PDB file of N, CA and C in Angstrom:
ATOM      1  N   MET A   1      70.701  44.754 -19.663  1.00  0.00           N
ATOM      2  CA  MET A   1      69.514  44.084 -19.214  1.00  0.00           C
ATOM      3  C   MET A   1      68.299  44.852 -19.713  1.00  0.00           C
ATOM      4  N   ALA A   2      67.265  44.147 -20.088  1.00  0.00           N
ATOM      5  CA  ALA A   2      66.047  44.759 -20.609  1.00  0.00           C
ATOM      6  C   ALA A   2      65.278  45.462 -19.512  1.00  0.00           C
ATOM      7  N   GLN A   3      64.595  46.515 -19.888  1.00  0.00           N
ATOM      8  CA  GLN A   3      63.713  47.214 -18.961  1.00  0.00           C
ATOM      9  C   GLN A   3      62.290  46.766 -19.232  1.00  0.00           C
ATOM     10  N   HIS A   4      61.501  46.655 -18.195  1.00  0.00           N
ATOM     11  CA  HIS A   4      60.120  46.236 -18.322  1.00  0.00           C
ATOM     12  C   HIS A   4      59.217  47.387 -17.913  1.00  0.00           C
ATOM     13  N   SER A   5      58.148  47.596 -18.686  1.00  0.00           N
ATOM     14  CA  SER A   5      57.217  48.666 -18.339  1.00  0.00           C
ATOM     15  C   SER A   5      56.144  48.132 -17.400  1.00  0.00           C
ATOM     16  N   ALA A   6      55.580  49.047 -16.638  1.00  0.00           N
ATOM     17  CA  ALA A   6      54.505  48.671 -15.720  1.00  0.00           C
ATOM     18  C   ALA A   6      53.279  48.291 -16.524  1.00  0.00           C
ATOM     19  N   SER A   7      52.599  47.267 -16.094  1.00  0.00           N
ATOM     20  CA  SER A   7      51.398  46.812 -16.780  1.00  0.00           C
ATOM     21  C   SER A   7      50.406  46.311 -15.748  1.00  0.00           C
ATOM     22  N   ALA A   8      49.151  46.665 -15.944  1.00  0.00           N
ATOM     23  CA  ALA A   8      48.126  46.274 -14.980  1.00  0.00           C
ATOM     24  C   ALA A   8      47.916  44.764 -14.959  1.00  0.00           C
ATOM     25  N   ASP A   9      47.826  44.155 -16.121  1.00  0.00           N
ATOM     26  CA  ASP A   9      47.547  42.720 -16.173  1.00  0.00           C
ATOM     27  C   ASP A   9      48.592  41.932 -16.955  1.00  0.00           C
ATOM     28  N   GLY A  10      49.671  42.569 -17.357  1.00  0.00           N
ATOM     29  CA  GLY A  10      50.715  41.882 -18.093  1.00  0.00           C
ATOM     30  C   GLY A  10      50.461  41.803 -19.586  1.00  0.00           C
ATOM     31  N   ASN A  11      49.334  42.310 -20.063  1.00  0.00           N
ATOM     32  CA  ASN A  11      49.011  42.208 -21.478  1.00  0.00           C
ATOM     33  C   ASN A  11      49.252  43.491 -22.257  1.00  0.00           C
ATOM     34  N   GLU A  12      49.064  44.623 -21.645  1.00  0.00           N
ATOM     35  CA  GLU A  12      49.191  45.900 -22.338  1.00  0.00           C
ATOM     36  C   GLU A  12      49.881  46.911 -21.430  1.00  0.00           C
ATOM     37  N   PRO A  13      50.602  47.869 -22.028  1.00  0.00           N
ATOM     38  CA  PRO A  13      51.158  48.947 -21.199  1.00  0.00           C
ATOM     39  C   PRO A  13      50.032  49.722 -20.534  1.00  0.00           C
ATOM     40  N   SER A  14      50.201  50.044 -19.252  1.00  0.00           N
ATOM     41  CA  SER A  14      49.131  50.729 -18.523  1.00  0.00           C
ATOM     42  C   SER A  14      49.403  52.211 -18.331  1.00  0.00           C
ATOM     43  N   GLU A  15      50.601  52.647 -18.634  1.00  0.00           N
ATOM     44  CA  GLU A  15      50.928  54.054 -18.454  1.00  0.00           C
ATOM     45  C   GLU A  15      50.460  54.864 -19.657  1.00  0.00           C
ATOM     46  N   PRO A  16      49.923  56.073 -19.433  1.00  0.00           N
ATOM     47  CA  PRO A  16      49.493  56.914 -20.542  1.00  0.00           C
ATOM     48  C   PRO A  16      50.658  57.188 -21.491  1.00  0.00           C
ATOM     49  N   GLY A  17      50.372  57.188 -22.769  1.00  0.00           N
ATOM     50  CA  GLY A  17      51.399  57.482 -23.758  1.00  0.00           C
ATOM     51  C   GLY A  17      52.167  56.264 -24.249  1.00  0.00           C
ATOM     52  N   LEU A  18      52.007  55.129 -23.561  1.00  0.00           N
ATOM     53  CA  LEU A  18      52.675  53.916 -24.007  1.00  0.00           C
ATOM     54  C   LEU A  18      51.767  53.169 -24.966  1.00  0.00           C
ATOM     55  N   GLU A  19      52.354  52.651 -26.017  1.00  0.00           N
ATOM     56  CA  GLU A  19      51.588  51.848 -26.953  1.00  0.00           C
ATOM     57  C   GLU A  19      52.385  50.594 -27.290  1.00  0.00           C
ATOM     58  N   GLU A  20      51.683  49.530 -27.518  1.00  0.00           N
ATOM     59  CA  GLU A  20      52.351  48.300 -27.905  1.00  0.00           C
ATOM     60  C   GLU A  20      52.593  48.347 -29.404  1.00  0.00           C
ATOM     61  N   LEU A  21      53.839  48.192 -29.796  1.00  0.00           N
ATOM     62  CA  LEU A  21      54.194  48.276 -31.207  1.00  0.00           C
ATOM     63  C   LEU A  21      54.164  46.937 -31.909  1.00  0.00           C
ATOM     64  N   GLY A  22      54.094  45.867 -31.144  1.00  0.00           N
ATOM     65  CA  GLY A  22      54.040  44.560 -31.767  1.00  0.00           C
ATOM     66  C   GLY A  22      54.587  43.488 -30.856  1.00  0.00           C
ATOM     67  N   THR A  23      54.632  42.287 -31.403  1.00  0.00           N
ATOM     68  CA  THR A  23      55.119  41.135 -30.662  1.00  0.00           C
ATOM     69  C   THR A  23      56.093  40.376 -31.546  1.00  0.00           C
ATOM     70  N   LEU A  24      57.196  39.947 -30.956  1.00  0.00           N
ATOM     71  CA  LEU A  24      58.196  39.159 -31.672  1.00  0.00           C
ATOM     72  C   LEU A  24      58.566  37.984 -30.783  1.00  0.00           C
ATOM     73  N   VAL A  25      58.361  36.772 -31.294  1.00  0.00           N
ATOM     74  CA  VAL A  25      58.643  35.560 -30.532  1.00  0.00           C
ATOM     75  C   VAL A  25      59.604  34.702 -31.340  1.00  0.00           C
ATOM     76  N   LEU A  26      60.680  34.282 -30.695  1.00  0.00           N
ATOM     77  CA  LEU A  26      61.632  33.357 -31.327  1.00  0.00           C
ATOM     78  C   LEU A  26      61.583  32.028 -30.597  1.00  0.00           C
ATOM     79  N   ARG A  27      61.559  30.971 -31.367  1.00  0.00           N
ATOM     80  CA  ARG A  27      61.637  29.629 -30.797  1.00  0.00           C
ATOM     81  C   ARG A  27      62.787  28.933 -31.517  1.00  0.00           C
ATOM     82  N   VAL A  28      63.696  28.351 -30.768  1.00  0.00           N
ATOM     83  CA  VAL A  28      64.879  27.713 -31.333  1.00  0.00           C
ATOM     84  C   VAL A  28      64.956  26.286 -30.826  1.00  0.00           C
ATOM     85  N   TRP A  29      65.239  25.355 -31.731  1.00  0.00           N
ATOM     86  CA  TRP A  29      65.369  23.951 -31.339  1.00  0.00           C
ATOM     87  C   TRP A  29      66.337  23.243 -32.276  1.00  0.00           C
ATOM     88  N   ARG A  30      66.756  22.087 -31.863  1.00  0.00           N
ATOM     89  CA  ARG A  30      67.602  21.218 -32.688  1.00  0.00           C
ATOM     90  C   ARG A  30      66.753  20.080 -33.233  1.00  0.00           C
ATOM     91  N   GLU A  31      66.920  19.822 -34.501  1.00  0.00           N
ATOM     92  CA  GLU A  31      66.274  18.667 -35.120  1.00  0.00           C
ATOM     93  C   GLU A  31      67.286  17.529 -35.063  1.00  0.00           C
ATOM     94  N   PRO A  32      66.978  16.437 -34.362  1.00  0.00           N
ATOM     95  CA  PRO A  32      67.974  15.393 -34.116  1.00  0.00           C
ATOM     96  C   PRO A  32      68.529  14.729 -35.379  1.00  0.00           C
ATOM     97  N   GLU A  33      67.731  14.598 -36.409  1.00  0.00           N
ATOM     98  CA  GLU A  33      68.219  13.900 -37.597  1.00  0.00           C
ATOM     99  C   GLU A  33      68.317  14.824 -38.797  1.00  0.00           C
ATOM    100  N   SER A  34      68.716  16.051 -38.553  1.00  0.00           N
ATOM    101  CA  SER A  34      68.823  17.042 -39.612  1.00  0.00           C
ATOM    102  C   SER A  34      70.280  17.430 -39.812  1.00  0.00           C
ATOM    103  N   GLU A  35      70.600  17.811 -41.045  1.00  0.00           N
ATOM    104  CA  GLU A  35      71.947  18.298 -41.320  1.00  0.00           C
ATOM    105  C   GLU A  35      72.152  19.703 -40.744  1.00  0.00           C
ATOM    106  N   GLU A  36      71.069  20.430 -40.583  1.00  0.00           N
ATOM    107  CA  GLU A  36      71.134  21.775 -40.012  1.00  0.00           C
ATOM    108  C   GLU A  36      71.222  21.650 -38.493  1.00  0.00           C
ATOM    109  N   SER A  37      72.065  22.464 -37.877  1.00  0.00           N
ATOM    110  CA  SER A  37      72.220  22.340 -36.427  1.00  0.00           C
ATOM    111  C   SER A  37      71.046  22.945 -35.655  1.00  0.00           C
ATOM    112  N   LEU A  38      70.463  24.030 -36.148  1.00  0.00           N
ATOM    113  CA  LEU A  38      69.360  24.694 -35.457  1.00  0.00           C
ATOM    114  C   LEU A  38      68.194  24.926 -36.403  1.00  0.00           C
ATOM    115  N   ARG A  39      67.024  25.063 -35.821  1.00  0.00           N
ATOM    116  CA  ARG A  39      65.840  25.549 -36.528  1.00  0.00           C
ATOM    117  C   ARG A  39      65.342  26.727 -35.710  1.00  0.00           C
ATOM    118  N   ILE A  40      65.011  27.806 -36.378  1.00  0.00           N
ATOM    119  CA  ILE A  40      64.580  29.030 -35.711  1.00  0.00           C
ATOM    120  C   ILE A  40      63.224  29.423 -36.289  1.00  0.00           C
ATOM    121  N   ARG A  41      62.253  29.552 -35.415  1.00  0.00           N
ATOM    122  CA  ARG A  41      60.923  30.005 -35.832  1.00  0.00           C
ATOM    123  C   ARG A  41      60.711  31.393 -35.245  1.00  0.00           C
ATOM    124  N   ILE A  42      60.307  32.325 -36.102  1.00  0.00           N
ATOM    125  CA  ILE A  42      60.080  33.708 -35.692  1.00  0.00           C
ATOM    126  C   ILE A  42      58.636  34.055 -36.013  1.00  0.00           C
ATOM    127  N   LEU A  43      57.917  34.491 -34.994  1.00  0.00           N
ATOM    128  CA  LEU A  43      56.555  34.967 -35.175  1.00  0.00           C
ATOM    129  C   LEU A  43      56.563  36.458 -34.876  1.00  0.00           C
ATOM    130  N   ALA A  44      56.237  37.259 -35.865  1.00  0.00           N
ATOM    131  CA  ALA A  44      56.283  38.716 -35.727  1.00  0.00           C
ATOM    132  C   ALA A  44      54.922  39.302 -36.064  1.00  0.00           C
ATOM    133  N   SER A  45      54.466  40.246 -35.233  1.00  0.00           N
ATOM    134  CA  SER A  45      53.198  40.917 -35.508  1.00  0.00           C
ATOM    135  C   SER A  45      53.332  42.407 -35.249  1.00  0.00           C
ATOM    136  N   ASP A  46      52.452  43.157 -35.893  1.00  0.00           N
ATOM    137  CA  ASP A  46      52.350  44.600 -35.675  1.00  0.00           C
ATOM    138  C   ASP A  46      51.174  44.835 -34.752  1.00  0.00           C
ATOM    139  N   GLY A  47      51.379  45.574 -33.697  1.00  0.00           N
ATOM    140  CA  GLY A  47      50.288  45.867 -32.776  1.00  0.00           C
ATOM    141  C   GLY A  47      49.972  44.688 -31.872  1.00  0.00           C
ATOM    142  N   ALA A  48      49.080  44.942 -30.940  1.00  0.00           N
ATOM    143  CA  ALA A  48      48.776  43.941 -29.919  1.00  0.00           C
ATOM    144  C   ALA A  48      47.941  42.785 -30.432  1.00  0.00           C
ATOM    145  N   TRP A  49      47.047  43.033 -31.360  1.00  0.00           N
ATOM    146  CA  TRP A  49      46.103  41.995 -31.752  1.00  0.00           C
ATOM    147  C   TRP A  49      46.132  41.686 -33.239  1.00  0.00           C
ATOM    148  N   GLU A  50      47.169  42.099 -33.933  1.00  0.00           N
ATOM    149  CA  GLU A  50      47.287  41.835 -35.361  1.00  0.00           C
ATOM    150  C   GLU A  50      47.780  40.413 -35.599  1.00  0.00           C
ATOM    151  N   PRO A  51      47.390  39.796 -36.723  1.00  0.00           N
ATOM    152  CA  PRO A  51      47.916  38.463 -37.032  1.00  0.00           C
ATOM    153  C   PRO A  51      49.417  38.532 -37.278  1.00  0.00           C
ATOM    154  N   GLY A  52      50.084  37.442 -36.984  1.00  0.00           N
ATOM    155  CA  GLY A  52      51.533  37.416 -37.106  1.00  0.00           C
ATOM    156  C   GLY A  52      52.015  36.840 -38.418  1.00  0.00           C
ATOM    157  N   GLU A  53      53.274  37.137 -38.721  1.00  0.00           N
ATOM    158  CA  GLU A  53      53.959  36.581 -39.885  1.00  0.00           C
ATOM    159  C   GLU A  53      54.939  35.540 -39.372  1.00  0.00           C
ATOM    160  N   LEU A  54      54.917  34.367 -39.949  1.00  0.00           N
ATOM    161  CA  LEU A  54      55.751  33.261 -39.487  1.00  0.00           C
ATOM    162  C   LEU A  54      56.921  33.047 -40.446  1.00  0.00           C
ATOM    163  N   THR A  55      58.116  32.934 -39.870  1.00  0.00           N
ATOM    164  CA  THR A  55      59.326  32.620 -40.625  1.00  0.00           C
ATOM    165  C   THR A  55      60.019  31.463 -39.929  1.00  0.00           C
ATOM    166  N   VAL A  56      60.479  30.487 -40.695  1.00  0.00           N
ATOM    167  CA  VAL A  56      61.261  29.381 -40.147  1.00  0.00           C
ATOM    168  C   VAL A  56      62.533  29.289 -40.966  1.00  0.00           C
ATOM    169  N   THR A  57      63.666  29.221 -40.282  1.00  0.00           N
ATOM    170  CA  THR A  57      64.949  29.170 -40.963  1.00  0.00           C
ATOM    171  C   THR A  57      65.965  28.384 -40.137  1.00  0.00           C
ATOM    172  N   PRO A  58      66.934  27.741 -40.796  1.00  0.00           N
ATOM    173  CA  PRO A  58      68.039  27.129 -40.069  1.00  0.00           C
ATOM    174  C   PRO A  58      69.240  28.083 -39.953  1.00  0.00           C
ATOM    175  N   ASP A  59      69.120  29.255 -40.564  1.00  0.00           N
ATOM    176  CA  ASP A  59      70.233  30.195 -40.676  1.00  0.00           C
ATOM    177  C   ASP A  59      70.148  31.277 -39.592  1.00  0.00           C
ATOM    178  N   SER A  60      71.091  31.274 -38.667  1.00  0.00           N
ATOM    179  CA  SER A  60      71.051  32.255 -37.574  1.00  0.00           C
ATOM    180  C   SER A  60      71.224  33.683 -38.091  1.00  0.00           C
ATOM    181  N   GLU A  61      71.993  33.871 -39.142  1.00  0.00           N
ATOM    182  CA  GLU A  61      72.157  35.225 -39.694  1.00  0.00           C
ATOM    183  C   GLU A  61      70.844  35.731 -40.289  1.00  0.00           C
ATOM    184  N   ALA A  62      70.086  34.860 -40.927  1.00  0.00           N
ATOM    185  CA  ALA A  62      68.776  35.247 -41.460  1.00  0.00           C
ATOM    186  C   ALA A  62      67.828  35.615 -40.321  1.00  0.00           C
ATOM    187  N   ALA A  63      67.907  34.882 -39.216  1.00  0.00           N
ATOM    188  CA  ALA A  63      67.072  35.186 -38.051  1.00  0.00           C
ATOM    189  C   ALA A  63      67.446  36.540 -37.459  1.00  0.00           C
ATOM    190  N   VAL A  64      68.725  36.802 -37.331  1.00  0.00           N
ATOM    191  CA  VAL A  64      69.183  38.095 -36.800  1.00  0.00           C
ATOM    192  C   VAL A  64      68.719  39.229 -37.710  1.00  0.00           C
ATOM    193  N   LYS A  65      68.820  39.045 -39.023  1.00  0.00           N
ATOM    194  CA  LYS A  65      68.361  40.070 -39.963  1.00  0.00           C
ATOM    195  C   LYS A  65      66.858  40.298 -39.829  1.00  0.00           C
ATOM    196  N   SER A  66      66.095  39.231 -39.673  1.00  0.00           N
ATOM    197  CA  SER A  66      64.655  39.349 -39.512  1.00  0.00           C
ATOM    198  C   SER A  66      64.305  40.137 -38.253  1.00  0.00           C
ATOM    199  N   VAL A  67      64.979  39.839 -37.155  1.00  0.00           N
ATOM    200  CA  VAL A  67      64.750  40.558 -35.895  1.00  0.00           C
ATOM    201  C   VAL A  67      65.157  42.027 -36.045  1.00  0.00           C
ATOM    202  N   ARG A  68      66.308  42.274 -36.652  1.00  0.00           N
ATOM    203  CA  ARG A  68      66.779  43.647 -36.845  1.00  0.00           C
ATOM    204  C   ARG A  68      65.796  44.444 -37.703  1.00  0.00           C
ATOM    205  N   ASP A  69      65.342  43.849 -38.801  1.00  0.00           N
ATOM    206  CA  ASP A  69      64.385  44.533 -39.678  1.00  0.00           C
ATOM    207  C   ASP A  69      63.100  44.866 -38.932  1.00  0.00           C
ATOM    208  N   TRP A  70      62.620  43.913 -38.124  1.00  0.00           N
ATOM    209  CA  TRP A  70      61.394  44.134 -37.364  1.00  0.00           C
ATOM    210  C   TRP A  70      61.575  45.284 -36.367  1.00  0.00           C
ATOM    211  N   LEU A  71      62.697  45.279 -35.657  1.00  0.00           N
ATOM    212  CA  LEU A  71      62.957  46.350 -34.680  1.00  0.00           C
ATOM    213  C   LEU A  71      63.111  47.704 -35.358  1.00  0.00           C
ATOM    214  N   GLU A  72      63.804  47.747 -36.477  1.00  0.00           N
ATOM    215  CA  GLU A  72      63.981  49.010 -37.196  1.00  0.00           C
ATOM    216  C   GLU A  72      62.649  49.543 -37.713  1.00  0.00           C
ATOM    217  N   ALA A  73      61.758  48.646 -38.126  1.00  0.00           N
ATOM    218  CA  ALA A  73      60.428  49.082 -38.560  1.00  0.00           C
ATOM    219  C   ALA A  73      59.661  49.697 -37.398  1.00  0.00           C
ATOM    220  N   ARG A  74      59.780  49.130 -36.180  1.00  0.00           N
ATOM    221  CA  ARG A  74      59.117  49.702 -35.014  1.00  0.00           C
ATOM    222  C   ARG A  74      59.715  51.073 -34.690  1.00  0.00           C
ATOM    223  N   ALA A  75      61.037  51.204 -34.780  1.00  0.00           N
ATOM    224  CA  ALA A  75      61.682  52.497 -34.525  1.00  0.00           C
ATOM    225  C   ALA A  75      61.224  53.519 -35.558  1.00  0.00           C
ATOM    226  N   GLY A  76      61.058  53.093 -36.797  1.00  0.00           N
ATOM    227  CA  GLY A  76      60.570  53.978 -37.852  1.00  0.00           C
ATOM    228  C   GLY A  76      59.151  54.431 -37.604  1.00  0.00           C
ATOM    229  N   GLN A  77      58.307  53.561 -37.053  1.00  0.00           N
ATOM    230  CA  GLN A  77      56.935  53.932 -36.709  1.00  0.00           C
ATOM    231  C   GLN A  77      56.942  55.042 -35.670  1.00  0.00           C
ATOM    232  N   ARG A  78      57.809  54.919 -34.687  1.00  0.00           N
ATOM    233  CA  ARG A  78      57.888  55.915 -33.611  1.00  0.00           C
ATOM    234  C   ARG A  78      58.342  57.254 -34.163  1.00  0.00           C
ATOM    235  N   GLN A  79      59.362  57.224 -34.995  1.00  0.00           N
ATOM    236  CA  GLN A  79      59.869  58.472 -35.563  1.00  0.00           C
ATOM    237  C   GLN A  79      58.822  59.137 -36.443  1.00  0.00           C
ATOM    238  N   ALA A  80      58.064  58.350 -37.206  1.00  0.00           N
ATOM    239  CA  ALA A  80      57.019  58.899 -38.064  1.00  0.00           C
ATOM    240  C   ALA A  80      55.921  59.528 -37.233  1.00  0.00           C
ATOM    241  N   SER A  81      55.507  58.886 -36.135  1.00  0.00           N
ATOM    242  CA  SER A  81      54.437  59.438 -35.302  1.00  0.00           C
ATOM    243  C   SER A  81      54.905  60.702 -34.586  1.00  0.00           C
ATOM    244  N   GLU A  82      56.165  60.764 -34.200  1.00  0.00           N
ATOM    245  CA  GLU A  82      56.699  61.964 -33.536  1.00  0.00           C
ATOM    246  C   GLU A  82      56.725  63.137 -34.496  1.00  0.00           C
ATOM    247  N   SER A  83      57.018  62.890 -35.764  1.00  0.00           N
ATOM    248  CA  SER A  83      57.122  63.985 -36.720  1.00  0.00           C
ATOM    249  C   SER A  83      55.745  64.503 -37.125  1.00  0.00           C
ATOM    250  N   THR A  84      54.677  63.692 -36.956  1.00  0.00           N
ATOM    251  CA  THR A  84      53.341  64.147 -37.339  1.00  0.00           C
ATOM    252  C   THR A  84      52.498  64.566 -36.150  1.00  0.00           C
ATOM    253  N   ASP A  85      52.896  64.272 -34.933  1.00  0.00           N
ATOM    254  CA  ASP A  85      52.110  64.599 -33.744  1.00  0.00           C
ATOM    255  C   ASP A  85      52.674  65.864 -33.112  1.00  0.00           C
ATOM    256  N   PRO A  86      51.931  66.968 -33.110  1.00  0.00           N
ATOM    257  CA  PRO A  86      52.450  68.217 -32.530  1.00  0.00           C
ATOM    258  C   PRO A  86      52.583  68.161 -31.008  1.00  0.00           C
ATOM    259  N   HIS A  87      52.018  67.156 -30.345  1.00  0.00           N
ATOM    260  CA  HIS A  87      52.077  67.052 -28.883  1.00  0.00           C
ATOM    261  C   HIS A  87      53.264  66.253 -28.393  1.00  0.00           C
ATOM    262  N   VAL A  88      54.032  65.662 -29.291  1.00  0.00           N
ATOM    263  CA  VAL A  88      55.164  64.820 -28.876  1.00  0.00           C
ATOM    264  C   VAL A  88      56.414  65.645 -28.834  1.00  0.00           C
TER     265      VAL A  88
END
């Protein structure tokens, strides 16, 4: 089960040291007259207020790869900041 961080208004982390690394939204639906069984829309952004990148695919494996790549990039950001910040 996912853990949720405390937030004052639900928009940003309120605890010191927490930063929002981005937003990832998946929307999945069926197109009634399509040969593809699913359509998957992925909106991914870096940071809280950055513009997002939109991907639409009928391929669930492509969607999983997109989500995995996005998460790994966020993990890489954290590791990079830890290696350059002497206070972490």
